[in-house]
Amino acid sequence: MFPIKGESALLLAVVFGFVFGWLLQRGKVTNYNVIVNQFRFKDFTVLKVMFPAIIVGGIGVLVLTNMELAKWHVRDANMLGTIIGAVIFGIGMVLYGYCPGTGVAAIGTGSIHALVGAAGMIVGAVLYAFSFEWVRANILSVGKLGKVTLPQLMHVPAWTIYGALIVIAIALFAWVEKSGK
């Protein structure tokens, strides 16, 4: 197997980005109301689209790494940073009505409010960059677990985690279908 580099990698990034955006549009998760109604427990389209994507993607990465066609690039697990980041991300997603990926795809559909929100994401990223040294010293150092994965923390094989996710997904889908949402 040969690594994809240079112009080929850039071209593939554009192709995969386009396909990803197209799939988000086809899955209806570029619609502000669909995402907001997920948080209001009125429309579970986001769950129905993203949960299978996460599971299939995760299993794909696991297979590729087991076949030595890909390598894990594990980042430091910083628990306080993860908690704060998750809270900020969640509040931003509820207020904006999109996650970063669906926001960019919504811009591609002509959504002006998604464009305004993306400008806010850029401002937030710049502020984070300027404050990074303080964040690293005061937030990322708290609850630092090092380069560790969930299976390593739980002392179980990675397939156990994916198996549990599949069971959870099936249970959630059964509940959503039963509730008619």
N, C-alpha and C. Protein backbone atom coordinates (compact mmCIF):
# COMPACT_ATOMS: atom_id res chain seq x y z
N MET A 1 0.85 -1.18 0.00
CA MET A 1 0.00 0.00 0.00
C MET A 1 0.89 1.24 0.00
N PHE A 2 0.52 2.21 -0.76
CA PHE A 2 1.31 3.43 -0.85
C PHE A 2 0.56 4.58 -0.19
N PRO A 3 1.30 5.46 0.44
CA PRO A 3 0.64 6.62 1.08
C PRO A 3 0.19 7.63 0.02
N ILE A 4 -0.92 8.26 0.28
CA ILE A 4 -1.43 9.30 -0.61
C ILE A 4 -0.88 10.63 -0.11
N LYS A 5 -0.17 11.33 -1.00
CA LYS A 5 0.49 12.58 -0.60
C LYS A 5 0.31 13.64 -1.68
N GLY A 6 0.67 14.86 -1.32
CA GLY A 6 0.73 15.95 -2.27
C GLY A 6 -0.61 16.33 -2.87
N GLU A 7 -0.60 16.59 -4.18
CA GLU A 7 -1.80 17.03 -4.87
C GLU A 7 -2.91 15.99 -4.83
N SER A 8 -2.55 14.72 -4.86
CA SER A 8 -3.56 13.66 -4.79
C SER A 8 -4.32 13.73 -3.47
N ALA A 9 -3.60 13.97 -2.38
CA ALA A 9 -4.24 14.08 -1.07
C ALA A 9 -5.17 15.28 -1.03
N LEU A 10 -4.74 16.41 -1.60
CA LEU A 10 -5.58 17.60 -1.63
C LEU A 10 -6.84 17.36 -2.46
N LEU A 11 -6.69 16.73 -3.60
CA LEU A 11 -7.83 16.44 -4.45
C LEU A 11 -8.81 15.50 -3.75
N LEU A 12 -8.28 14.47 -3.10
CA LEU A 12 -9.15 13.54 -2.36
C LEU A 12 -9.85 14.25 -1.20
N ALA A 13 -9.16 15.17 -0.55
CA ALA A 13 -9.79 15.92 0.55
C ALA A 13 -10.98 16.72 0.03
N VAL A 14 -10.84 17.35 -1.13
CA VAL A 14 -11.95 18.10 -1.71
C VAL A 14 -13.09 17.16 -2.10
N VAL A 15 -12.76 16.04 -2.72
CA VAL A 15 -13.80 15.08 -3.13
C VAL A 15 -14.54 14.54 -1.91
N PHE A 16 -13.79 14.09 -0.90
CA PHE A 16 -14.44 13.55 0.30
C PHE A 16 -15.22 14.62 1.05
N GLY A 17 -14.70 15.85 1.08
CA GLY A 17 -15.44 16.94 1.71
C GLY A 17 -16.75 17.21 1.00
N PHE A 18 -16.72 17.21 -0.33
CA PHE A 18 -17.94 17.40 -1.11
C PHE A 18 -18.94 16.28 -0.84
N VAL A 19 -18.46 15.04 -0.86
CA VAL A 19 -19.34 13.89 -0.61
C VAL A 19 -19.91 13.97 0.80
N PHE A 20 -19.09 14.33 1.78
CA PHE A 20 -19.57 14.46 3.16
C PHE A 20 -20.67 15.51 3.25
N GLY A 21 -20.44 16.67 2.66
CA GLY A 21 -21.46 17.72 2.66
C GLY A 21 -22.73 17.29 1.95
N TRP A 22 -22.58 16.60 0.83
CA TRP A 22 -23.73 16.10 0.07
C TRP A 22 -24.53 15.12 0.92
N LEU A 23 -23.82 14.22 1.60
CA LEU A 23 -24.51 13.24 2.46
C LEU A 23 -25.21 13.93 3.63
N LEU A 24 -24.59 14.95 4.21
CA LEU A 24 -25.25 15.70 5.28
C LEU A 24 -26.52 16.36 4.77
N GLN A 25 -26.45 16.92 3.56
CA GLN A 25 -27.64 17.54 2.96
C GLN A 25 -28.72 16.49 2.70
N ARG A 26 -28.33 15.36 2.13
CA ARG A 26 -29.29 14.29 1.84
C ARG A 26 -29.90 13.74 3.14
N GLY A 27 -29.12 13.74 4.21
CA GLY A 27 -29.60 13.27 5.50
C GLY A 27 -30.42 14.31 6.24
N LYS A 28 -30.57 15.49 5.67
CA LYS A 28 -31.38 16.60 6.20
C LYS A 28 -30.80 17.22 7.47
N VAL A 29 -29.51 16.99 7.75
CA VAL A 29 -28.92 17.57 8.95
C VAL A 29 -28.24 18.91 8.68
N THR A 30 -28.48 19.48 7.50
CA THR A 30 -28.04 20.86 7.24
C THR A 30 -29.20 21.83 7.46
N ASN A 31 -30.30 21.31 7.97
CA ASN A 31 -31.49 22.11 8.23
C ASN A 31 -31.49 22.52 9.71
N TYR A 32 -31.47 23.82 9.94
CA TYR A 32 -31.45 24.37 11.30
C TYR A 32 -32.52 23.75 12.18
N ASN A 33 -33.76 23.68 11.66
CA ASN A 33 -34.87 23.17 12.46
C ASN A 33 -34.70 21.71 12.84
N VAL A 34 -34.11 20.91 11.96
CA VAL A 34 -33.88 19.50 12.26
C VAL A 34 -32.92 19.38 13.45
N ILE A 35 -31.84 20.17 13.44
CA ILE A 35 -30.86 20.07 14.53
C ILE A 35 -31.43 20.61 15.84
N VAL A 36 -32.08 21.75 15.78
CA VAL A 36 -32.66 22.32 17.00
C VAL A 36 -33.73 21.38 17.57
N ASN A 37 -34.54 20.79 16.70
CA ASN A 37 -35.57 19.88 17.18
C ASN A 37 -35.00 18.58 17.74
N GLN A 38 -33.77 18.23 17.39
CA GLN A 38 -33.11 17.10 18.04
C GLN A 38 -32.92 17.42 19.52
N PHE A 39 -32.47 18.64 19.80
CA PHE A 39 -32.27 19.05 21.19
C PHE A 39 -33.59 19.21 21.94
N ARG A 40 -34.66 19.42 21.20
CA ARG A 40 -35.99 19.55 21.81
C ARG A 40 -36.70 18.19 21.88
N PHE A 41 -36.01 17.12 21.47
CA PHE A 41 -36.53 15.75 21.45
C PHE A 41 -37.81 15.63 20.61
N LYS A 42 -37.85 16.39 19.49
CA LYS A 42 -39.00 16.35 18.60
C LYS A 42 -38.67 15.70 17.25
N ASP A 43 -37.40 15.65 16.90
CA ASP A 43 -36.98 15.11 15.61
C ASP A 43 -35.64 14.42 15.82
N PHE A 44 -35.58 13.12 15.57
CA PHE A 44 -34.37 12.36 15.83
C PHE A 44 -33.57 12.05 14.57
N THR A 45 -33.73 12.89 13.56
CA THR A 45 -32.99 12.71 12.31
C THR A 45 -31.49 12.75 12.55
N VAL A 46 -31.02 13.67 13.37
CA VAL A 46 -29.59 13.79 13.63
C VAL A 46 -29.06 12.49 14.24
N LEU A 47 -29.75 11.96 15.21
CA LEU A 47 -29.35 10.70 15.83
C LEU A 47 -29.33 9.58 14.80
N LYS A 48 -30.36 9.53 13.95
CA LYS A 48 -30.47 8.47 12.95
C LYS A 48 -29.38 8.56 11.89
N VAL A 49 -28.90 9.76 11.61
CA VAL A 49 -27.85 9.93 10.60
C VAL A 49 -26.46 9.78 11.22
N MET A 50 -26.22 10.45 12.34
CA MET A 50 -24.87 10.53 12.87
C MET A 50 -24.42 9.29 13.64
N PHE A 51 -25.32 8.66 14.39
CA PHE A 51 -24.90 7.50 15.17
C PHE A 51 -24.39 6.38 14.27
N PRO A 52 -25.12 6.01 13.22
CA PRO A 52 -24.57 4.98 12.32
C PRO A 52 -23.26 5.43 11.65
N ALA A 53 -23.16 6.71 11.30
CA ALA A 53 -21.93 7.20 10.68
C ALA A 53 -20.75 7.06 11.64
N ILE A 54 -20.96 7.37 12.90
CA ILE A 54 -19.89 7.25 13.90
C ILE A 54 -19.49 5.79 14.07
N ILE A 55 -20.47 4.91 14.16
CA ILE A 55 -20.18 3.49 14.37
C ILE A 55 -19.47 2.90 13.15
N VAL A 56 -20.00 3.15 11.95
CA VAL A 56 -19.37 2.61 10.74
C VAL A 56 -17.97 3.18 10.56
N GLY A 57 -17.82 4.49 10.79
CA GLY A 57 -16.51 5.10 10.67
C GLY A 57 -15.53 4.53 11.68
N GLY A 58 -15.98 4.36 12.92
CA GLY A 58 -15.12 3.80 13.96
C GLY A 58 -14.69 2.39 13.65
N ILE A 59 -15.63 1.58 13.19
CA ILE A 59 -15.30 0.19 12.83
C ILE A 59 -14.35 0.19 11.64
N GLY A 60 -14.58 1.09 10.69
CA GLY A 60 -13.68 1.18 9.53
C GLY A 60 -12.27 1.52 9.95
N VAL A 61 -12.12 2.47 10.86
CA VAL A 61 -10.78 2.84 11.35
C VAL A 61 -10.16 1.66 12.10
N LEU A 62 -10.94 0.97 12.90
CA LEU A 62 -10.43 -0.18 13.65
C LEU A 62 -9.95 -1.27 12.69
N VAL A 63 -10.73 -1.55 11.65
CA VAL A 63 -10.33 -2.56 10.66
C VAL A 63 -9.05 -2.12 9.95
N LEU A 64 -9.01 -0.86 9.52
CA LEU A 64 -7.82 -0.36 8.82
C LEU A 64 -6.57 -0.42 9.70
N THR A 65 -6.72 -0.09 10.97
CA THR A 65 -5.54 -0.15 11.86
C THR A 65 -5.14 -1.60 12.11
N ASN A 66 -6.11 -2.49 12.24
CA ASN A 66 -5.78 -3.91 12.45
C ASN A 66 -5.10 -4.50 11.21
N MET A 67 -5.44 -3.99 10.03
CA MET A 67 -4.81 -4.45 8.78
C MET A 67 -3.51 -3.68 8.50
N GLU A 68 -3.14 -2.78 9.42
CA GLU A 68 -1.94 -1.95 9.31
C GLU A 68 -1.96 -1.06 8.07
N LEU A 69 -3.17 -0.64 7.66
CA LEU A 69 -3.32 0.31 6.57
C LEU A 69 -3.51 1.73 7.09
N ALA A 70 -3.64 1.86 8.40
CA ALA A 70 -3.77 3.16 9.05
C ALA A 70 -3.13 3.04 10.43
N LYS A 71 -2.83 4.19 11.02
CA LYS A 71 -2.25 4.21 12.37
C LYS A 71 -3.08 5.12 13.25
N TRP A 72 -3.22 4.73 14.51
CA TRP A 72 -3.89 5.59 15.49
C TRP A 72 -2.99 6.80 15.76
N HIS A 73 -3.58 7.95 15.89
CA HIS A 73 -2.86 9.14 16.34
C HIS A 73 -3.61 9.63 17.58
N VAL A 74 -3.25 9.06 18.70
CA VAL A 74 -3.96 9.32 19.95
C VAL A 74 -3.45 10.62 20.56
N ARG A 75 -4.39 11.49 20.90
CA ARG A 75 -4.05 12.77 21.55
C ARG A 75 -4.12 12.58 23.06
N ASP A 76 -3.51 13.51 23.79
CA ASP A 76 -3.60 13.47 25.25
C ASP A 76 -5.05 13.58 25.69
N ALA A 77 -5.44 12.76 26.64
CA ALA A 77 -6.78 12.83 27.22
C ALA A 77 -6.72 13.81 28.39
N ASN A 78 -7.29 14.98 28.19
CA ASN A 78 -7.32 16.03 29.20
C ASN A 78 -8.77 16.20 29.65
N MET A 79 -9.12 15.64 30.79
CA MET A 79 -10.51 15.53 31.17
C MET A 79 -11.19 16.88 31.41
N LEU A 80 -10.53 17.82 32.09
CA LEU A 80 -11.16 19.13 32.33
C LEU A 80 -11.35 19.86 31.00
N GLY A 81 -10.35 19.81 30.14
CA GLY A 81 -10.47 20.43 28.83
C GLY A 81 -11.59 19.80 28.01
N THR A 82 -11.74 18.48 28.10
CA THR A 82 -12.81 17.79 27.37
C THR A 82 -14.17 18.21 27.89
N ILE A 83 -14.32 18.28 29.20
CA ILE A 83 -15.60 18.67 29.78
C ILE A 83 -15.96 20.10 29.40
N ILE A 84 -15.02 21.02 29.56
CA ILE A 84 -15.28 22.42 29.22
C ILE A 84 -15.56 22.56 27.72
N GLY A 85 -14.76 21.89 26.90
CA GLY A 85 -14.96 21.93 25.46
C GLY A 85 -16.32 21.38 25.05
N ALA A 86 -16.74 20.28 25.69
CA ALA A 86 -18.04 19.69 25.38
C ALA A 86 -19.19 20.63 25.75
N VAL A 87 -19.06 21.30 26.88
CA VAL A 87 -20.10 22.25 27.30
C VAL A 87 -20.17 23.43 26.32
N ILE A 88 -19.01 23.98 25.97
CA ILE A 88 -18.99 25.10 25.01
C ILE A 88 -19.53 24.65 23.66
N PHE A 89 -19.12 23.48 23.21
CA PHE A 89 -19.60 22.95 21.93
C PHE A 89 -21.11 22.76 21.96
N GLY A 90 -21.62 22.17 23.03
CA GLY A 90 -23.06 21.94 23.14
C GLY A 90 -23.87 23.23 23.16
N ILE A 91 -23.42 24.19 23.95
CA ILE A 91 -24.11 25.49 24.00
C ILE A 91 -24.05 26.16 22.63
N GLY A 92 -22.89 26.13 22.01
CA GLY A 92 -22.75 26.72 20.68
C GLY A 92 -23.63 26.04 19.66
N MET A 93 -23.73 24.72 19.74
CA MET A 93 -24.55 24.00 18.78
C MET A 93 -26.03 24.31 18.95
N VAL A 94 -26.47 24.44 20.18
CA VAL A 94 -27.87 24.78 20.43
C VAL A 94 -28.16 26.20 19.95
N LEU A 95 -27.26 27.14 20.23
CA LEU A 95 -27.48 28.53 19.82
C LEU A 95 -27.34 28.71 18.31
N TYR A 96 -26.36 28.07 17.72
CA TYR A 96 -26.07 28.19 16.30
C TYR A 96 -27.02 27.33 15.46
N GLY A 97 -27.38 26.19 16.00
CA GLY A 97 -28.26 25.28 15.27
C GLY A 97 -27.50 24.33 14.37
N TYR A 98 -26.19 24.34 14.45
CA TYR A 98 -25.36 23.46 13.63
C TYR A 98 -24.12 23.07 14.42
N CYS A 99 -23.53 21.93 14.05
CA CYS A 99 -22.16 21.64 14.48
C CYS A 99 -21.26 22.19 13.38
N PRO A 100 -19.96 22.23 13.56
CA PRO A 100 -19.12 22.82 12.50
C PRO A 100 -19.32 22.18 11.13
N GLY A 101 -19.41 20.87 11.06
CA GLY A 101 -19.57 20.21 9.76
C GLY A 101 -20.89 20.52 9.10
N THR A 102 -21.98 20.44 9.86
CA THR A 102 -23.28 20.74 9.27
C THR A 102 -23.42 22.23 8.97
N GLY A 103 -22.73 23.07 9.73
CA GLY A 103 -22.74 24.51 9.46
C GLY A 103 -22.10 24.83 8.12
N VAL A 104 -20.94 24.22 7.85
CA VAL A 104 -20.27 24.45 6.57
C VAL A 104 -21.12 23.91 5.42
N ALA A 105 -21.72 22.73 5.63
CA ALA A 105 -22.60 22.18 4.59
C ALA A 105 -23.81 23.07 4.37
N ALA A 106 -24.36 23.66 5.44
CA ALA A 106 -25.50 24.57 5.31
C ALA A 106 -25.09 25.84 4.55
N ILE A 107 -23.86 26.29 4.74
CA ILE A 107 -23.36 27.43 3.96
C ILE A 107 -23.39 27.07 2.48
N GLY A 108 -23.02 25.83 2.18
CA GLY A 108 -23.04 25.36 0.80
C GLY A 108 -24.43 25.35 0.20
N THR A 109 -25.46 25.29 1.06
CA THR A 109 -26.85 25.31 0.56
C THR A 109 -27.36 26.74 0.44
N GLY A 110 -26.55 27.72 0.86
CA GLY A 110 -26.95 29.12 0.75
C GLY A 110 -27.46 29.74 2.03
N SER A 111 -27.27 29.08 3.17
CA SER A 111 -27.77 29.58 4.44
C SER A 111 -26.91 30.75 4.93
N ILE A 112 -27.53 31.93 5.01
CA ILE A 112 -26.81 33.13 5.48
C ILE A 112 -26.55 33.05 6.97
N HIS A 113 -27.53 32.57 7.77
CA HIS A 113 -27.29 32.50 9.22
C HIS A 113 -26.20 31.49 9.55
N ALA A 114 -26.04 30.45 8.74
CA ALA A 114 -24.94 29.52 8.96
C ALA A 114 -23.61 30.21 8.68
N LEU A 115 -23.58 31.10 7.70
CA LEU A 115 -22.37 31.84 7.37
C LEU A 115 -21.98 32.77 8.52
N VAL A 116 -22.96 33.43 9.11
CA VAL A 116 -22.71 34.31 10.25
C VAL A 116 -22.17 33.49 11.43
N GLY A 117 -22.77 32.33 11.68
CA GLY A 117 -22.30 31.47 12.76
C GLY A 117 -20.89 30.96 12.52
N ALA A 118 -20.56 30.67 11.26
CA ALA A 118 -19.20 30.22 10.94
C ALA A 118 -18.19 31.32 11.24
N ALA A 119 -18.57 32.56 10.99
CA ALA A 119 -17.69 33.68 11.34
C ALA A 119 -17.45 33.69 12.85
N GLY A 120 -18.49 33.39 13.62
CA GLY A 120 -18.34 33.28 15.07
C GLY A 120 -17.40 32.15 15.47
N MET A 121 -17.46 31.03 14.76
CA MET A 121 -16.55 29.92 15.04
C MET A 121 -15.10 30.34 14.78
N ILE A 122 -14.90 31.10 13.71
CA ILE A 122 -13.54 31.56 13.38
C ILE A 122 -13.04 32.51 14.47
N VAL A 123 -13.89 33.41 14.93
CA VAL A 123 -13.50 34.32 16.01
C VAL A 123 -13.16 33.52 17.27
N GLY A 124 -13.98 32.52 17.58
CA GLY A 124 -13.71 31.67 18.74
C GLY A 124 -12.39 30.93 18.61
N ALA A 125 -12.09 30.44 17.42
CA ALA A 125 -10.83 29.73 17.20
C ALA A 125 -9.63 30.66 17.37
N VAL A 126 -9.77 31.89 16.90
CA VAL A 126 -8.68 32.87 17.05
C VAL A 126 -8.48 33.20 18.53
N LEU A 127 -9.57 33.42 19.25
CA LEU A 127 -9.46 33.70 20.69
C LEU A 127 -8.82 32.53 21.43
N TYR A 128 -9.18 31.31 21.05
CA TYR A 128 -8.58 30.13 21.66
C TYR A 128 -7.08 30.10 21.37
N ALA A 129 -6.70 30.39 20.14
CA ALA A 129 -5.28 30.38 19.77
C ALA A 129 -4.49 31.40 20.60
N PHE A 130 -5.06 32.59 20.77
CA PHE A 130 -4.37 33.62 21.55
C PHE A 130 -4.30 33.28 23.04
N SER A 131 -5.25 32.51 23.53
CA SER A 131 -5.28 32.17 24.96
C SER A 131 -4.72 30.78 25.23
N PHE A 132 -4.16 30.13 24.22
CA PHE A 132 -3.76 28.73 24.38
C PHE A 132 -2.75 28.50 25.49
N GLU A 133 -1.77 29.36 25.62
CA GLU A 133 -0.76 29.14 26.68
C GLU A 133 -1.42 29.13 28.06
N TRP A 134 -2.38 30.03 28.28
CA TRP A 134 -3.10 30.05 29.56
C TRP A 134 -3.95 28.79 29.69
N VAL A 135 -4.63 28.41 28.62
CA VAL A 135 -5.47 27.20 28.64
C VAL A 135 -4.61 25.98 28.94
N ARG A 136 -3.46 25.87 28.29
CA ARG A 136 -2.59 24.71 28.52
C ARG A 136 -2.15 24.64 29.98
N ALA A 137 -1.79 25.77 30.57
CA ALA A 137 -1.28 25.79 31.95
C ALA A 137 -2.38 25.57 32.98
N ASN A 138 -3.58 26.10 32.73
CA ASN A 138 -4.61 26.11 33.76
C ASN A 138 -5.77 25.14 33.54
N ILE A 139 -5.94 24.65 32.34
CA ILE A 139 -7.07 23.76 32.05
C ILE A 139 -6.59 22.39 31.58
N LEU A 140 -5.73 22.38 30.56
CA LEU A 140 -5.30 21.10 29.99
C LEU A 140 -4.43 20.28 30.93
N SER A 141 -3.88 20.92 31.94
CA SER A 141 -3.04 20.19 32.89
C SER A 141 -3.86 19.50 33.99
N VAL A 142 -5.16 19.84 34.08
CA VAL A 142 -6.02 19.26 35.11
C VAL A 142 -6.69 18.00 34.56
N GLY A 143 -6.52 16.90 35.24
CA GLY A 143 -7.13 15.64 34.80
C GLY A 143 -6.45 15.08 33.56
N LYS A 144 -5.17 15.31 33.42
CA LYS A 144 -4.43 14.85 32.25
C LYS A 144 -4.12 13.36 32.40
N LEU A 145 -4.62 12.57 31.44
CA LEU A 145 -4.42 11.12 31.50
C LEU A 145 -3.34 10.64 30.54
N GLY A 146 -2.84 11.51 29.69
CA GLY A 146 -1.84 11.12 28.71
C GLY A 146 -2.49 10.55 27.45
N LYS A 147 -1.69 9.93 26.62
CA LYS A 147 -2.17 9.36 25.35
C LYS A 147 -2.77 7.99 25.63
N VAL A 148 -4.06 7.99 25.92
CA VAL A 148 -4.74 6.76 26.29
C VAL A 148 -6.09 6.70 25.56
N THR A 149 -6.50 5.51 25.22
CA THR A 149 -7.80 5.32 24.56
C THR A 149 -8.80 4.76 25.57
N LEU A 150 -10.08 4.84 25.23
CA LEU A 150 -11.13 4.32 26.12
C LEU A 150 -10.95 2.82 26.38
N PRO A 151 -10.68 2.00 25.36
CA PRO A 151 -10.44 0.59 25.65
C PRO A 151 -9.28 0.36 26.60
N GLN A 152 -8.22 1.16 26.49
CA GLN A 152 -7.09 1.03 27.41
C GLN A 152 -7.50 1.40 28.84
N LEU A 153 -8.28 2.48 28.97
CA LEU A 153 -8.74 2.89 30.30
C LEU A 153 -9.62 1.84 30.94
N MET A 154 -10.45 1.21 30.13
CA MET A 154 -11.41 0.21 30.64
C MET A 154 -10.83 -1.20 30.68
N HIS A 155 -9.63 -1.38 30.13
CA HIS A 155 -8.97 -2.68 30.07
C HIS A 155 -9.83 -3.71 29.33
N VAL A 156 -10.35 -3.29 28.18
CA VAL A 156 -11.15 -4.18 27.33
C VAL A 156 -10.68 -4.04 25.89
N PRO A 157 -10.93 -5.04 25.06
CA PRO A 157 -10.58 -4.90 23.64
C PRO A 157 -11.45 -3.82 22.98
N ALA A 158 -10.90 -3.18 21.95
CA ALA A 158 -11.64 -2.12 21.25
C ALA A 158 -12.96 -2.63 20.70
N TRP A 159 -12.99 -3.89 20.25
CA TRP A 159 -14.23 -4.43 19.70
C TRP A 159 -15.35 -4.45 20.74
N THR A 160 -15.01 -4.54 22.01
CA THR A 160 -16.02 -4.51 23.08
C THR A 160 -16.74 -3.16 23.09
N ILE A 161 -15.98 -2.10 22.93
CA ILE A 161 -16.57 -0.75 22.91
C ILE A 161 -17.49 -0.62 21.71
N TYR A 162 -17.01 -1.05 20.53
CA TYR A 162 -17.83 -0.95 19.32
C TYR A 162 -19.08 -1.83 19.42
N GLY A 163 -18.93 -3.00 20.01
CA GLY A 163 -20.09 -3.88 20.21
C GLY A 163 -21.12 -3.21 21.11
N ALA A 164 -20.65 -2.58 22.19
CA ALA A 164 -21.56 -1.87 23.09
C ALA A 164 -22.25 -0.72 22.36
N LEU A 165 -21.50 0.02 21.54
CA LEU A 165 -22.10 1.11 20.77
C LEU A 165 -23.18 0.60 19.82
N ILE A 166 -22.94 -0.54 19.21
CA ILE A 166 -23.94 -1.12 18.30
C ILE A 166 -25.20 -1.49 19.06
N VAL A 167 -25.05 -2.11 20.23
CA VAL A 167 -26.21 -2.46 21.05
C VAL A 167 -26.97 -1.21 21.47
N ILE A 168 -26.24 -0.19 21.90
CA ILE A 168 -26.88 1.09 22.30
C ILE A 168 -27.61 1.69 21.11
N ALA A 169 -26.96 1.68 19.93
CA ALA A 169 -27.59 2.24 18.73
C ALA A 169 -28.88 1.51 18.39
N ILE A 170 -28.86 0.19 18.43
CA ILE A 170 -30.07 -0.59 18.13
C ILE A 170 -31.17 -0.27 19.13
N ALA A 171 -30.82 -0.17 20.40
CA ALA A 171 -31.81 0.17 21.43
C ALA A 171 -32.38 1.57 21.20
N LEU A 172 -31.50 2.53 20.89
CA LEU A 172 -31.97 3.89 20.63
C LEU A 172 -32.87 3.94 19.40
N PHE A 173 -32.47 3.24 18.33
CA PHE A 173 -33.29 3.24 17.12
C PHE A 173 -34.64 2.59 17.38
N ALA A 174 -34.66 1.51 18.15
CA ALA A 174 -35.94 0.86 18.48
C ALA A 174 -36.82 1.83 19.26
N TRP A 175 -36.24 2.54 20.22
CA TRP A 175 -37.01 3.50 21.02
C TRP A 175 -37.53 4.64 20.15
N VAL A 176 -36.67 5.16 19.26
CA VAL A 176 -37.08 6.27 18.39
C VAL A 176 -38.21 5.82 17.46
N GLU A 177 -38.07 4.65 16.88
CA GLU A 177 -39.12 4.15 15.98
C GLU A 177 -40.42 3.90 16.73
N LYS A 178 -40.31 3.39 17.94
CA LYS A 178 -41.51 3.14 18.74
C LYS A 178 -42.21 4.45 19.13
N SER A 179 -41.40 5.49 19.38
CA SER A 179 -41.98 6.79 19.76
C SER A 179 -42.51 7.55 18.57
N GLY A 180 -42.15 7.11 17.35
CA GLY A 180 -42.67 7.74 16.14
C GLY A 180 -42.00 9.05 15.79
N LYS A 181 -40.80 9.30 16.26
CA LYS A 181 -40.10 10.54 15.97
C LYS A 181 -38.99 10.26 15.02
